[in-house]
Amino acid sequence: MHTQFTTEVDEQGRVSLAPELLSALQLSPGATLMLELKKGRIVLEPLPEEPELIEKDGLLVVRPRITGNIANWVQQDRDERIAQLSKELE
């Protein structure tokens, strides 16, 4: 997919990414990006999210960070379950 977007640098040196781009890359607020300068171009690359370790009842438990559009995931899961149930009822 080759898509172009334009944005501006604000007074604090920040840039905003288009919502369509964030959605396509499954980025959410707080996501970490690597910024690299290559031949006069800025390259942004999403870094993998590190799961969080928390202590629960004396045990270390992994609490992953959920990124992307959760509503889409829920709808996709529902569609898959309905399709499976339809096959079973045939």
PDB file of N, CA and C in Angstrom:
ATOM      1  N   MET A   1       0.850  -1.176   0.000  1.00  0.00           N
ATOM      2  CA  MET A   1       0.000   0.000   0.000  1.00  0.00           C
ATOM      3  C   MET A   1       0.891   1.232   0.000  1.00  0.00           C
ATOM      4  N   HIS A   2       0.698   2.079  -0.969  1.00  0.00           N
ATOM      5  CA  HIS A   2       1.445   3.328  -1.039  1.00  0.00           C
ATOM      6  C   HIS A   2       0.448   4.478  -0.968  1.00  0.00           C
ATOM      7  N   THR A   3       0.408   5.134   0.176  1.00  0.00           N
ATOM      8  CA  THR A   3      -0.513   6.241   0.398  1.00  0.00           C
ATOM      9  C   THR A   3       0.282   7.415   0.920  1.00  0.00           C
ATOM     10  N   GLN A   4      -0.090   8.608   0.497  1.00  0.00           N
ATOM     11  CA  GLN A   4       0.607   9.800   0.957  1.00  0.00           C
ATOM     12  C   GLN A   4      -0.336  10.681   1.770  1.00  0.00           C
ATOM     13  N   PHE A   5       0.212  11.277   2.808  1.00  0.00           N
ATOM     14  CA  PHE A   5      -0.515  12.218   3.649  1.00  0.00           C
ATOM     15  C   PHE A   5       0.372  13.442   3.839  1.00  0.00           C
ATOM     16  N   THR A   6      -0.227  14.568   4.096  1.00  0.00           N
ATOM     17  CA  THR A   6       0.545  15.753   4.446  1.00  0.00           C
ATOM     18  C   THR A   6       0.216  16.133   5.881  1.00  0.00           C
ATOM     19  N   THR A   7       1.175  16.750   6.533  1.00  0.00           N
ATOM     20  CA  THR A   7       0.990  17.215   7.903  1.00  0.00           C
ATOM     21  C   THR A   7       1.903  18.409   8.104  1.00  0.00           C
ATOM     22  N   GLU A   8       1.749  19.087   9.215  1.00  0.00           N
ATOM     23  CA  GLU A   8       2.574  20.253   9.524  1.00  0.00           C
ATOM     24  C   GLU A   8       3.307  20.036  10.836  1.00  0.00           C
ATOM     25  N   VAL A   9       4.423  20.690  10.977  1.00  0.00           N
ATOM     26  CA  VAL A   9       5.170  20.688  12.225  1.00  0.00           C
ATOM     27  C   VAL A   9       4.641  21.851  13.061  1.00  0.00           C
ATOM     28  N   ASP A  10       4.222  21.580  14.310  1.00  0.00           N
ATOM     29  CA  ASP A  10       3.699  22.668  15.145  1.00  0.00           C
ATOM     30  C   ASP A  10       4.840  23.402  15.854  1.00  0.00           C
ATOM     31  N   GLU A  11       4.497  24.376  16.680  1.00  0.00           N
ATOM     32  CA  GLU A  11       5.495  25.219  17.350  1.00  0.00           C
ATOM     33  C   GLU A  11       6.427  24.432  18.259  1.00  0.00           C
ATOM     34  N   GLN A  12       5.960  23.300  18.780  1.00  0.00           N
ATOM     35  CA  GLN A  12       6.784  22.459  19.661  1.00  0.00           C
ATOM     36  C   GLN A  12       7.563  21.393  18.882  1.00  0.00           C
ATOM     37  N   GLY A  13       7.482  21.412  17.548  1.00  0.00           N
ATOM     38  CA  GLY A  13       8.210  20.450  16.737  1.00  0.00           C
ATOM     39  C   GLY A  13       7.495  19.118  16.564  1.00  0.00           C
ATOM     40  N   ARG A  14       6.217  19.076  16.889  1.00  0.00           N
ATOM     41  CA  ARG A  14       5.455  17.830  16.798  1.00  0.00           C
ATOM     42  C   ARG A  14       4.734  17.747  15.453  1.00  0.00           C
ATOM     43  N   VAL A  15       4.494  16.523  15.031  1.00  0.00           N
ATOM     44  CA  VAL A  15       3.673  16.275  13.850  1.00  0.00           C
ATOM     45  C   VAL A  15       2.536  15.337  14.247  1.00  0.00           C
ATOM     46  N   SER A  16       1.418  15.473  13.565  1.00  0.00           N
ATOM     47  CA  SER A  16       0.278  14.586  13.795  1.00  0.00           C
ATOM     48  C   SER A  16       0.153  13.641  12.615  1.00  0.00           C
ATOM     49  N   LEU A  17      -0.197  12.391  12.907  1.00  0.00           N
ATOM     50  CA  LEU A  17      -0.406  11.406  11.857  1.00  0.00           C
ATOM     51  C   LEU A  17      -1.901  11.302  11.568  1.00  0.00           C
ATOM     52  N   ALA A  18      -2.243  11.146  10.306  1.00  0.00           N
ATOM     53  CA  ALA A  18      -3.641  11.050   9.888  1.00  0.00           C
ATOM     54  C   ALA A  18      -4.308   9.844  10.549  1.00  0.00           C
ATOM     55  N   PRO A  19      -5.576   9.978  10.959  1.00  0.00           N
ATOM     56  CA  PRO A  19      -6.286   8.854  11.582  1.00  0.00           C
ATOM     57  C   PRO A  19      -6.295   7.603  10.706  1.00  0.00           C
ATOM     58  N   GLU A  20      -6.390   7.769   9.390  1.00  0.00           N
ATOM     59  CA  GLU A  20      -6.379   6.616   8.493  1.00  0.00           C
ATOM     60  C   GLU A  20      -5.049   5.866   8.574  1.00  0.00           C
ATOM     61  N   LEU A  21      -3.978   6.607   8.714  1.00  0.00           N
ATOM     62  CA  LEU A  21      -2.650   6.006   8.822  1.00  0.00           C
ATOM     63  C   LEU A  21      -2.503   5.277  10.163  1.00  0.00           C
ATOM     64  N   LEU A  22      -2.963   5.904  11.234  1.00  0.00           N
ATOM     65  CA  LEU A  22      -2.903   5.269  12.557  1.00  0.00           C
ATOM     66  C   LEU A  22      -3.687   3.961  12.564  1.00  0.00           C
ATOM     67  N   SER A  23      -4.861   3.992  11.967  1.00  0.00           N
ATOM     68  CA  SER A  23      -5.700   2.804  11.911  1.00  0.00           C
ATOM     69  C   SER A  23      -5.048   1.707  11.076  1.00  0.00           C
ATOM     70  N   ALA A  24      -4.517   2.071   9.908  1.00  0.00           N
ATOM     71  CA  ALA A  24      -3.884   1.087   9.028  1.00  0.00           C
ATOM     72  C   ALA A  24      -2.688   0.418   9.698  1.00  0.00           C
ATOM     73  N   LEU A  25      -1.962   1.167  10.522  1.00  0.00           N
ATOM     74  CA  LEU A  25      -0.784   0.632  11.210  1.00  0.00           C
ATOM     75  C   LEU A  25      -1.114   0.073  12.592  1.00  0.00           C
ATOM     76  N   GLN A  26      -2.388   0.153  12.973  1.00  0.00           N
ATOM     77  CA  GLN A  26      -2.855  -0.293  14.283  1.00  0.00           C
ATOM     78  C   GLN A  26      -2.074   0.375  15.410  1.00  0.00           C
ATOM     79  N   LEU A  27      -1.919   1.695  15.298  1.00  0.00           N
ATOM     80  CA  LEU A  27      -1.221   2.471  16.325  1.00  0.00           C
ATOM     81  C   LEU A  27      -2.245   3.152  17.212  1.00  0.00           C
ATOM     82  N   SER A  28      -1.964   3.190  18.496  1.00  0.00           N
ATOM     83  CA  SER A  28      -2.826   3.868  19.446  1.00  0.00           C
ATOM     84  C   SER A  28      -1.991   4.873  20.229  1.00  0.00           C
ATOM     85  N   PRO A  29      -2.640   5.800  20.942  1.00  0.00           N
ATOM     86  CA  PRO A  29      -1.872   6.772  21.724  1.00  0.00           C
ATOM     87  C   PRO A  29      -0.892   6.068  22.665  1.00  0.00           C
ATOM     88  N   GLY A  30       0.325   6.576  22.702  1.00  0.00           N
ATOM     89  CA  GLY A  30       1.359   5.989  23.544  1.00  0.00           C
ATOM     90  C   GLY A  30       2.243   4.998  22.813  1.00  0.00           C
ATOM     91  N   ALA A  31       1.906   4.665  21.557  1.00  0.00           N
ATOM     92  CA  ALA A  31       2.741   3.745  20.780  1.00  0.00           C
ATOM     93  C   ALA A  31       4.118   4.376  20.582  1.00  0.00           C
ATOM     94  N   THR A  32       5.141   3.534  20.570  1.00  0.00           N
ATOM     95  CA  THR A  32       6.512   4.014  20.387  1.00  0.00           C
ATOM     96  C   THR A  32       6.934   3.805  18.941  1.00  0.00           C
ATOM     97  N   LEU A  33       7.518   4.851  18.359  1.00  0.00           N
ATOM     98  CA  LEU A  33       7.994   4.796  16.981  1.00  0.00           C
ATOM     99  C   LEU A  33       9.487   5.054  16.954  1.00  0.00           C
ATOM    100  N   MET A  34      10.209   4.351  16.073  1.00  0.00           N
ATOM    101  CA  MET A  34      11.614   4.651  15.851  1.00  0.00           C
ATOM    102  C   MET A  34      11.672   5.640  14.692  1.00  0.00           C
ATOM    103  N   LEU A  35      12.409   6.704  14.880  1.00  0.00           N
ATOM    104  CA  LEU A  35      12.582   7.714  13.849  1.00  0.00           C
ATOM    105  C   LEU A  35      14.003   7.621  13.333  1.00  0.00           C
ATOM    106  N   GLU A  36      14.151   7.536  12.009  1.00  0.00           N
ATOM    107  CA  GLU A  36      15.467   7.382  11.413  1.00  0.00           C
ATOM    108  C   GLU A  36      15.596   8.354  10.237  1.00  0.00           C
ATOM    109  N   LEU A  37      16.755   8.953  10.116  1.00  0.00           N
ATOM    110  CA  LEU A  37      17.041   9.837   8.989  1.00  0.00           C
ATOM    111  C   LEU A  37      17.818   9.033   7.956  1.00  0.00           C
ATOM    112  N   LYS A  38      17.230   8.856   6.767  1.00  0.00           N
ATOM    113  CA  LYS A  38      17.865   8.079   5.698  1.00  0.00           C
ATOM    114  C   LYS A  38      17.869   8.919   4.422  1.00  0.00           C
ATOM    115  N   LYS A  39      19.065   9.282   3.983  1.00  0.00           N
ATOM    116  CA  LYS A  39      19.226  10.022   2.726  1.00  0.00           C
ATOM    117  C   LYS A  39      18.278  11.217   2.623  1.00  0.00           C
ATOM    118  N   GLY A  40      18.219  11.989   3.693  1.00  0.00           N
ATOM    119  CA  GLY A  40      17.399  13.191   3.697  1.00  0.00           C
ATOM    120  C   GLY A  40      15.919  12.952   3.906  1.00  0.00           C
ATOM    121  N   ARG A  41      15.526  11.737   4.215  1.00  0.00           N
ATOM    122  CA  ARG A  41      14.120  11.397   4.466  1.00  0.00           C
ATOM    123  C   ARG A  41      13.948  10.926   5.910  1.00  0.00           C
ATOM    124  N   ILE A  42      12.801  11.200   6.462  1.00  0.00           N
ATOM    125  CA  ILE A  42      12.474  10.722   7.808  1.00  0.00           C
ATOM    126  C   ILE A  42      11.688   9.425   7.659  1.00  0.00           C
ATOM    127  N   VAL A  43      12.155   8.386   8.322  1.00  0.00           N
ATOM    128  CA  VAL A  43      11.476   7.088   8.290  1.00  0.00           C
ATOM    129  C   VAL A  43      10.987   6.789   9.699  1.00  0.00           C
ATOM    130  N   LEU A  44       9.685   6.530   9.838  1.00  0.00           N
ATOM    131  CA  LEU A  44       9.094   6.154  11.122  1.00  0.00           C
ATOM    132  C   LEU A  44       8.750   4.680  11.080  1.00  0.00           C
ATOM    133  N   GLU A  45       9.113   3.963  12.133  1.00  0.00           N
ATOM    134  CA  GLU A  45       8.803   2.541  12.199  1.00  0.00           C
ATOM    135  C   GLU A  45       8.227   2.226  13.571  1.00  0.00           C
ATOM    136  N   PRO A  46       7.038   1.611  13.614  1.00  0.00           N
ATOM    137  CA  PRO A  46       6.470   1.234  14.911  1.00  0.00           C
ATOM    138  C   PRO A  46       7.354   0.190  15.587  1.00  0.00           C
ATOM    139  N   LEU A  47       7.587   0.370  16.873  1.00  0.00           N
ATOM    140  CA  LEU A  47       8.336  -0.619  17.646  1.00  0.00           C
ATOM    141  C   LEU A  47       7.344  -1.548  18.332  1.00  0.00           C
ATOM    142  N   PRO A  48       7.723  -2.804  18.516  1.00  0.00           N
ATOM    143  CA  PRO A  48       6.806  -3.729  19.189  1.00  0.00           C
ATOM    144  C   PRO A  48       6.523  -3.258  20.613  1.00  0.00           C
ATOM    145  N   GLU A  49       5.301  -3.458  21.025  1.00  0.00           N
ATOM    146  CA  GLU A  49       4.896  -3.083  22.381  1.00  0.00           C
ATOM    147  C   GLU A  49       5.407  -4.128  23.371  1.00  0.00           C
ATOM    148  N   GLU A  50       5.982  -3.666  24.443  1.00  0.00           N
ATOM    149  CA  GLU A  50       6.448  -4.561  25.496  1.00  0.00           C
ATOM    150  C   GLU A  50       5.289  -4.850  26.450  1.00  0.00           C
ATOM    151  N   PRO A  51       5.037  -6.114  26.755  1.00  0.00           N
ATOM    152  CA  PRO A  51       3.989  -6.422  27.724  1.00  0.00           C
ATOM    153  C   PRO A  51       4.396  -5.947  29.113  1.00  0.00           C
ATOM    154  N   GLU A  52       3.425  -5.652  29.928  1.00  0.00           N
ATOM    155  CA  GLU A  52       3.680  -5.166  31.282  1.00  0.00           C
ATOM    156  C   GLU A  52       3.587  -6.332  32.268  1.00  0.00           C
ATOM    157  N   LEU A  53       4.568  -6.425  33.165  1.00  0.00           N
ATOM    158  CA  LEU A  53       4.527  -7.428  34.224  1.00  0.00           C
ATOM    159  C   LEU A  53       3.946  -6.798  35.478  1.00  0.00           C
ATOM    160  N   ILE A  54       2.921  -7.436  36.032  1.00  0.00           N
ATOM    161  CA  ILE A  54       2.323  -6.947  37.275  1.00  0.00           C
ATOM    162  C   ILE A  54       2.282  -8.096  38.276  1.00  0.00           C
ATOM    163  N   GLU A  55       2.238  -7.755  39.541  1.00  0.00           N
ATOM    164  CA  GLU A  55       2.137  -8.783  40.571  1.00  0.00           C
ATOM    165  C   GLU A  55       0.678  -8.922  40.967  1.00  0.00           C
ATOM    166  N   LYS A  56       0.189 -10.149  40.927  1.00  0.00           N
ATOM    167  CA  LYS A  56      -1.199 -10.413  41.296  1.00  0.00           C
ATOM    168  C   LYS A  56      -1.229 -11.647  42.175  1.00  0.00           C
ATOM    169  N   ASP A  57      -1.672 -11.492  43.398  1.00  0.00           N
ATOM    170  CA  ASP A  57      -1.735 -12.592  44.360  1.00  0.00           C
ATOM    171  C   ASP A  57      -0.384 -13.285  44.523  1.00  0.00           C
ATOM    172  N   GLY A  58       0.686 -12.495  44.535  1.00  0.00           N
ATOM    173  CA  GLY A  58       2.020 -13.047  44.756  1.00  0.00           C
ATOM    174  C   GLY A  58       2.681 -13.636  43.524  1.00  0.00           C
ATOM    175  N   LEU A  59       2.026 -13.539  42.369  1.00  0.00           N
ATOM    176  CA  LEU A  59       2.594 -14.075  41.132  1.00  0.00           C
ATOM    177  C   LEU A  59       2.796 -12.946  40.125  1.00  0.00           C
ATOM    178  N   LEU A  60       3.826 -13.096  39.284  1.00  0.00           N
ATOM    179  CA  LEU A  60       4.015 -12.157  38.195  1.00  0.00           C
ATOM    180  C   LEU A  60       3.133 -12.577  37.027  1.00  0.00           C
ATOM    181  N   VAL A  61       2.352 -11.630  36.540  1.00  0.00           N
ATOM    182  CA  VAL A  61       1.404 -11.891  35.461  1.00  0.00           C
ATOM    183  C   VAL A  61       1.697 -10.904  34.338  1.00  0.00           C
ATOM    184  N   VAL A  62       1.617 -11.374  33.105  1.00  0.00           N
ATOM    185  CA  VAL A  62       1.829 -10.501  31.951  1.00  0.00           C
ATOM    186  C   VAL A  62       0.500  -9.845  31.585  1.00  0.00           C
ATOM    187  N   ARG A  63       0.529  -8.529  31.507  1.00  0.00           N
ATOM    188  CA  ARG A  63      -0.640  -7.782  31.035  1.00  0.00           C
ATOM    189  C   ARG A  63      -0.217  -7.112  29.730  1.00  0.00           C
ATOM    190  N   PRO A  64      -0.660  -7.673  28.591  1.00  0.00           N
ATOM    191  CA  PRO A  64      -0.239  -7.096  27.302  1.00  0.00           C
ATOM    192  C   PRO A  64      -0.925  -5.766  27.055  1.00  0.00           C
ATOM    193  N   ARG A  65      -0.285  -4.943  26.231  1.00  0.00           N
ATOM    194  CA  ARG A  65      -0.908  -3.703  25.795  1.00  0.00           C
ATOM    195  C   ARG A  65      -1.719  -4.011  24.548  1.00  0.00           C
ATOM    196  N   ILE A  66      -2.936  -3.561  24.533  1.00  0.00           N
ATOM    197  CA  ILE A  66      -3.785  -3.791  23.375  1.00  0.00           C
ATOM    198  C   ILE A  66      -3.665  -2.585  22.460  1.00  0.00           C
ATOM    199  N   THR A  67      -3.311  -2.848  21.206  1.00  0.00           N
ATOM    200  CA  THR A  67      -3.204  -1.773  20.236  1.00  0.00           C
ATOM    201  C   THR A  67      -4.158  -2.048  19.089  1.00  0.00           C
ATOM    202  N   GLY A  68      -4.430  -1.036  18.340  1.00  0.00           N
ATOM    203  CA  GLY A  68      -5.308  -1.196  17.190  1.00  0.00           C
ATOM    204  C   GLY A  68      -6.739  -0.885  17.552  1.00  0.00           C
ATOM    205  N   ASN A  69      -7.614  -1.181  16.633  1.00  0.00           N
ATOM    206  CA  ASN A  69      -9.023  -0.877  16.784  1.00  0.00           C
ATOM    207  C   ASN A  69      -9.746  -2.074  17.392  1.00  0.00           C
ATOM    208  N   ILE A  70     -10.033  -1.991  18.675  1.00  0.00           N
ATOM    209  CA  ILE A  70     -10.646  -3.100  19.400  1.00  0.00           C
ATOM    210  C   ILE A  70     -12.042  -3.396  18.857  1.00  0.00           C
ATOM    211  N   ALA A  71     -12.788  -2.356  18.483  1.00  0.00           N
ATOM    212  CA  ALA A  71     -14.134  -2.557  17.945  1.00  0.00           C
ATOM    213  C   ALA A  71     -14.092  -3.424  16.689  1.00  0.00           C
ATOM    214  N   ASN A  72     -13.092  -3.218  15.843  1.00  0.00           N
ATOM    215  CA  ASN A  72     -12.957  -4.053  14.642  1.00  0.00           C
ATOM    216  C   ASN A  72     -12.658  -5.499  15.008  1.00  0.00           C
ATOM    217  N   TRP A  73     -11.803  -5.705  16.011  1.00  0.00           N
ATOM    218  CA  TRP A  73     -11.476  -7.061  16.446  1.00  0.00           C
ATOM    219  C   TRP A  73     -12.718  -7.774  16.977  1.00  0.00           C
ATOM    220  N   VAL A  74     -13.507  -7.060  17.774  1.00  0.00           N
ATOM    221  CA  VAL A  74     -14.726  -7.646  18.340  1.00  0.00           C
ATOM    222  C   VAL A  74     -15.682  -8.029  17.216  1.00  0.00           C
ATOM    223  N   GLN A  75     -15.879  -7.129  16.251  1.00  0.00           N
ATOM    224  CA  GLN A  75     -16.778  -7.417  15.138  1.00  0.00           C
ATOM    225  C   GLN A  75     -16.278  -8.602  14.313  1.00  0.00           C
ATOM    226  N   GLN A  76     -14.975  -8.659  14.062  1.00  0.00           N
ATOM    227  CA  GLN A  76     -14.404  -9.768  13.305  1.00  0.00           C
ATOM    228  C   GLN A  76     -14.620 -11.090  14.048  1.00  0.00           C
ATOM    229  N   ASP A  77     -14.420 -11.085  15.361  1.00  0.00           N
ATOM    230  CA  ASP A  77     -14.631 -12.290  16.159  1.00  0.00           C
ATOM    231  C   ASP A  77     -16.094 -12.718  16.102  1.00  0.00           C
ATOM    232  N   ARG A  78     -17.013 -11.762  16.200  1.00  0.00           N
ATOM    233  CA  ARG A  78     -18.446 -12.087  16.110  1.00  0.00           C
ATOM    234  C   ARG A  78     -18.775 -12.696  14.759  1.00  0.00           C
ATOM    235  N   ASP A  79     -18.263 -12.087  13.690  1.00  0.00           N
ATOM    236  CA  ASP A  79     -18.527 -12.593  12.343  1.00  0.00           C
ATOM    237  C   ASP A  79     -18.017 -14.022  12.184  1.00  0.00           C
ATOM    238  N   GLU A  80     -16.825 -14.299  12.713  1.00  0.00           N
ATOM    239  CA  GLU A  80     -16.259 -15.648  12.624  1.00  0.00           C
ATOM    240  C   GLU A  80     -17.093 -16.653  13.419  1.00  0.00           C
ATOM    241  N   ARG A  81     -17.565 -16.255  14.592  1.00  0.00           N
ATOM    242  CA  ARG A  81     -18.388 -17.160  15.406  1.00  0.00           C
ATOM    243  C   ARG A  81     -19.720 -17.449  14.729  1.00  0.00           C
ATOM    244  N   ILE A  82     -20.335 -16.418  14.147  1.00  0.00           N
ATOM    245  CA  ILE A  82     -21.603 -16.602  13.433  1.00  0.00           C
ATOM    246  C   ILE A  82     -21.413 -17.525  12.242  1.00  0.00           C
ATOM    247  N   ALA A  83     -20.332 -17.339  11.499  1.00  0.00           N
ATOM    248  CA  ALA A  83     -20.044 -18.191  10.347  1.00  0.00           C
ATOM    249  C   ALA A  83     -19.860 -19.645  10.803  1.00  0.00           C
ATOM    250  N   GLN A  84     -19.150 -19.852  11.911  1.00  0.00           N
ATOM    251  CA  GLN A  84     -18.924 -21.202  12.434  1.00  0.00           C
ATOM    252  C   GLN A  84     -20.235 -21.826  12.876  1.00  0.00           C
ATOM    253  N   LEU A  85     -21.082 -21.054  13.578  1.00  0.00           N
ATOM    254  CA  LEU A  85     -22.371 -21.579  14.015  1.00  0.00           C
ATOM    255  C   LEU A  85     -23.267 -21.922  12.833  1.00  0.00           C
ATOM    256  N   SER A  86     -23.221 -21.106  11.792  1.00  0.00           N
ATOM    257  CA  SER A  86     -24.013 -21.363  10.593  1.00  0.00           C
ATOM    258  C   SER A  86     -23.598 -22.674   9.946  1.00  0.00           C
ATOM    259  N   LYS A  87     -22.288 -22.949   9.897  1.00  0.00           N
ATOM    260  CA  LYS A  87     -21.793 -24.204   9.337  1.00  0.00           C
ATOM    261  C   LYS A  87     -22.265 -25.402  10.169  1.00  0.00           C
ATOM    262  N   GLU A  88     -22.259 -25.239  11.484  1.00  0.00           N
ATOM    263  CA  GLU A  88     -22.660 -26.339  12.375  1.00  0.00           C
ATOM    264  C   GLU A  88     -24.143 -26.633  12.260  1.00  0.00           C
ATOM    265  N   LEU A  89     -24.951 -25.624  11.948  1.00  0.00           N
ATOM    266  CA  LEU A  89     -26.403 -25.817  11.854  1.00  0.00           C
ATOM    267  C   LEU A  89     -26.847 -26.367  10.500  1.00  0.00           C
ATOM    268  N   GLU A  90     -25.954 -26.375   9.529  1.00  0.00           N
ATOM    269  CA  GLU A  90     -26.319 -26.879   8.196  1.00  0.00           C
ATOM    270  C   GLU A  90     -26.476 -28.359   8.168  1.00  0.00           C
TER     271      GLU A  90
END
